[in-house]
Amino acid sequence: MADEGHWFFCLKHMKVEEGPGCPDKIRMGPYDTKEQAEHALEHARERNESWDAQDS
């Protein structure tokens, strides 16, 4: 499968998953490393703040 070897952050369970897992619509990724997936929400927040600043 395409998900094998990739990491994801599941928004339903609020945890990192490796490979196939919960449906893609409720998870963020894919990420190359577990550490990247662990920081998915932080990276999304930073991106949103950056986009908001550009809109101002």
N, C-alpha and C. Protein backbone atom coordinates (compact mmCIF):
# COMPACT_ATOMS: atom_id res chain seq x y z
N MET A 1 0.82 -1.19 0.00
CA MET A 1 0.00 0.00 0.00
C MET A 1 0.87 1.25 0.00
N ALA A 2 0.27 2.35 -0.44
CA ALA A 2 0.99 3.62 -0.52
C ALA A 2 1.33 4.19 0.85
N ASP A 3 0.55 3.84 1.87
CA ASP A 3 0.77 4.38 3.22
C ASP A 3 1.93 3.72 3.95
N GLU A 4 2.36 2.57 3.50
CA GLU A 4 3.43 1.86 4.20
C GLU A 4 4.71 2.68 4.19
N GLY A 5 5.36 2.72 5.34
CA GLY A 5 6.60 3.48 5.47
C GLY A 5 6.39 4.95 5.74
N HIS A 6 5.13 5.38 5.87
CA HIS A 6 4.82 6.77 6.17
C HIS A 6 4.13 6.87 7.54
N TRP A 7 4.19 8.06 8.08
CA TRP A 7 3.60 8.34 9.38
C TRP A 7 2.47 9.34 9.23
N PHE A 8 1.48 9.25 10.11
CA PHE A 8 0.29 10.10 10.07
C PHE A 8 -0.07 10.51 11.49
N PHE A 9 -0.84 11.61 11.60
CA PHE A 9 -1.38 12.00 12.89
C PHE A 9 -2.89 11.88 12.79
N CYS A 10 -3.49 11.00 13.59
CA CYS A 10 -4.92 10.77 13.59
C CYS A 10 -5.61 11.82 14.46
N LEU A 11 -6.53 12.58 13.84
CA LEU A 11 -7.24 13.63 14.57
C LEU A 11 -8.34 13.06 15.46
N LYS A 12 -8.84 11.89 15.17
CA LYS A 12 -9.87 11.26 16.01
C LYS A 12 -9.26 10.74 17.31
N HIS A 13 -8.14 10.05 17.19
CA HIS A 13 -7.51 9.43 18.36
C HIS A 13 -6.39 10.28 18.96
N MET A 14 -6.05 11.38 18.26
CA MET A 14 -4.99 12.30 18.70
C MET A 14 -3.69 11.55 18.98
N LYS A 15 -3.32 10.70 18.00
CA LYS A 15 -2.06 9.96 18.15
C LYS A 15 -1.44 9.70 16.78
N VAL A 16 -0.18 9.35 16.80
CA VAL A 16 0.58 9.06 15.59
C VAL A 16 0.32 7.62 15.16
N GLU A 17 0.17 7.43 13.86
CA GLU A 17 -0.02 6.10 13.29
C GLU A 17 1.05 5.87 12.22
N GLU A 18 1.49 4.65 12.10
CA GLU A 18 2.42 4.29 11.03
C GLU A 18 1.68 3.44 10.01
N GLY A 19 1.83 3.81 8.74
CA GLY A 19 1.23 3.04 7.66
C GLY A 19 -0.28 3.12 7.64
N PRO A 20 -0.92 2.10 7.07
CA PRO A 20 -2.38 2.10 6.98
C PRO A 20 -3.00 2.18 8.38
N GLY A 21 -4.06 2.94 8.48
CA GLY A 21 -4.71 3.10 9.77
C GLY A 21 -6.08 3.69 9.57
N CYS A 22 -6.38 4.72 10.33
CA CYS A 22 -7.67 5.39 10.22
C CYS A 22 -7.82 6.00 8.82
N PRO A 23 -9.06 6.30 8.41
CA PRO A 23 -9.28 6.91 7.10
C PRO A 23 -8.52 8.22 6.95
N ASP A 24 -8.05 8.49 5.74
CA ASP A 24 -7.27 9.70 5.48
C ASP A 24 -8.01 10.97 5.83
N LYS A 25 -9.34 10.96 5.75
CA LYS A 25 -10.10 12.18 6.02
C LYS A 25 -10.02 12.63 7.48
N ILE A 26 -9.55 11.75 8.37
CA ILE A 26 -9.43 12.14 9.78
C ILE A 26 -7.99 12.10 10.27
N ARG A 27 -7.05 12.15 9.33
CA ARG A 27 -5.65 12.18 9.75
C ARG A 27 -4.84 13.09 8.86
N MET A 28 -3.74 13.56 9.41
CA MET A 28 -2.83 14.47 8.71
C MET A 28 -1.61 13.67 8.26
N GLY A 29 -1.11 14.02 7.11
CA GLY A 29 0.07 13.34 6.59
C GLY A 29 -0.09 13.01 5.13
N PRO A 30 0.81 12.29 4.59
CA PRO A 30 1.86 11.51 5.23
C PRO A 30 3.10 12.33 5.58
N TYR A 31 3.81 11.85 6.58
CA TYR A 31 5.09 12.41 7.00
C TYR A 31 6.15 11.34 6.86
N ASP A 32 7.38 11.78 6.66
CA ASP A 32 8.48 10.83 6.48
C ASP A 32 8.95 10.21 7.78
N THR A 33 8.77 10.93 8.89
CA THR A 33 9.25 10.42 10.18
C THR A 33 8.16 10.51 11.24
N LYS A 34 8.32 9.71 12.28
CA LYS A 34 7.39 9.75 13.41
C LYS A 34 7.44 11.12 14.08
N GLU A 35 8.63 11.68 14.21
CA GLU A 35 8.78 12.99 14.85
C GLU A 35 8.00 14.07 14.10
N GLN A 36 8.05 14.05 12.77
CA GLN A 36 7.29 15.03 11.99
C GLN A 36 5.79 14.87 12.27
N ALA A 37 5.31 13.64 12.30
CA ALA A 37 3.89 13.39 12.56
C ALA A 37 3.50 13.84 13.97
N GLU A 38 4.40 13.66 14.94
CA GLU A 38 4.11 14.08 16.31
C GLU A 38 3.89 15.58 16.42
N HIS A 39 4.47 16.35 15.50
CA HIS A 39 4.37 17.81 15.53
C HIS A 39 3.40 18.34 14.48
N ALA A 40 2.54 17.49 13.96
CA ALA A 40 1.61 17.88 12.89
C ALA A 40 0.73 19.06 13.29
N LEU A 41 0.15 19.01 14.46
CA LEU A 41 -0.74 20.09 14.89
C LEU A 41 0.02 21.41 15.08
N GLU A 42 1.21 21.32 15.61
CA GLU A 42 2.04 22.52 15.79
C GLU A 42 2.38 23.15 14.45
N HIS A 43 2.76 22.33 13.47
CA HIS A 43 3.10 22.84 12.15
C HIS A 43 1.87 23.45 11.47
N ALA A 44 0.72 22.84 11.63
CA ALA A 44 -0.51 23.38 11.05
C ALA A 44 -0.85 24.73 11.68
N ARG A 45 -0.70 24.84 12.99
CA ARG A 45 -0.97 26.11 13.67
C ARG A 45 -0.03 27.20 13.15
N GLU A 46 1.25 26.87 13.02
CA GLU A 46 2.24 27.85 12.53
C GLU A 46 1.91 28.29 11.09
N ARG A 47 1.51 27.35 10.25
CA ARG A 47 1.13 27.68 8.87
C ARG A 47 -0.09 28.60 8.86
N ASN A 48 -1.08 28.27 9.68
CA ASN A 48 -2.29 29.09 9.73
C ASN A 48 -1.98 30.51 10.20
N GLU A 49 -1.12 30.63 11.20
CA GLU A 49 -0.74 31.96 11.68
C GLU A 49 -0.02 32.74 10.60
N SER A 50 0.83 32.07 9.85
CA SER A 50 1.55 32.72 8.76
C SER A 50 0.59 33.19 7.67
N TRP A 51 -0.36 32.34 7.32
CA TRP A 51 -1.35 32.72 6.31
C TRP A 51 -2.22 33.87 6.80
N ASP A 52 -2.62 33.83 8.07
CA ASP A 52 -3.42 34.91 8.64
C ASP A 52 -2.65 36.24 8.58
N ALA A 53 -1.36 36.21 8.88
CA ALA A 53 -0.54 37.41 8.85
C ALA A 53 -0.43 37.95 7.42
N GLN A 54 -0.39 37.08 6.44
CA GLN A 54 -0.32 37.53 5.04
C GLN A 54 -1.62 38.19 4.60
N ASP A 55 -2.73 37.77 5.18
CA ASP A 55 -4.04 38.33 4.83
C ASP A 55 -4.26 39.71 5.44
N SER A 56 -3.48 40.06 6.44
CA SER A 56 -3.67 41.34 7.14
C SER A 56 -3.09 42.49 6.35
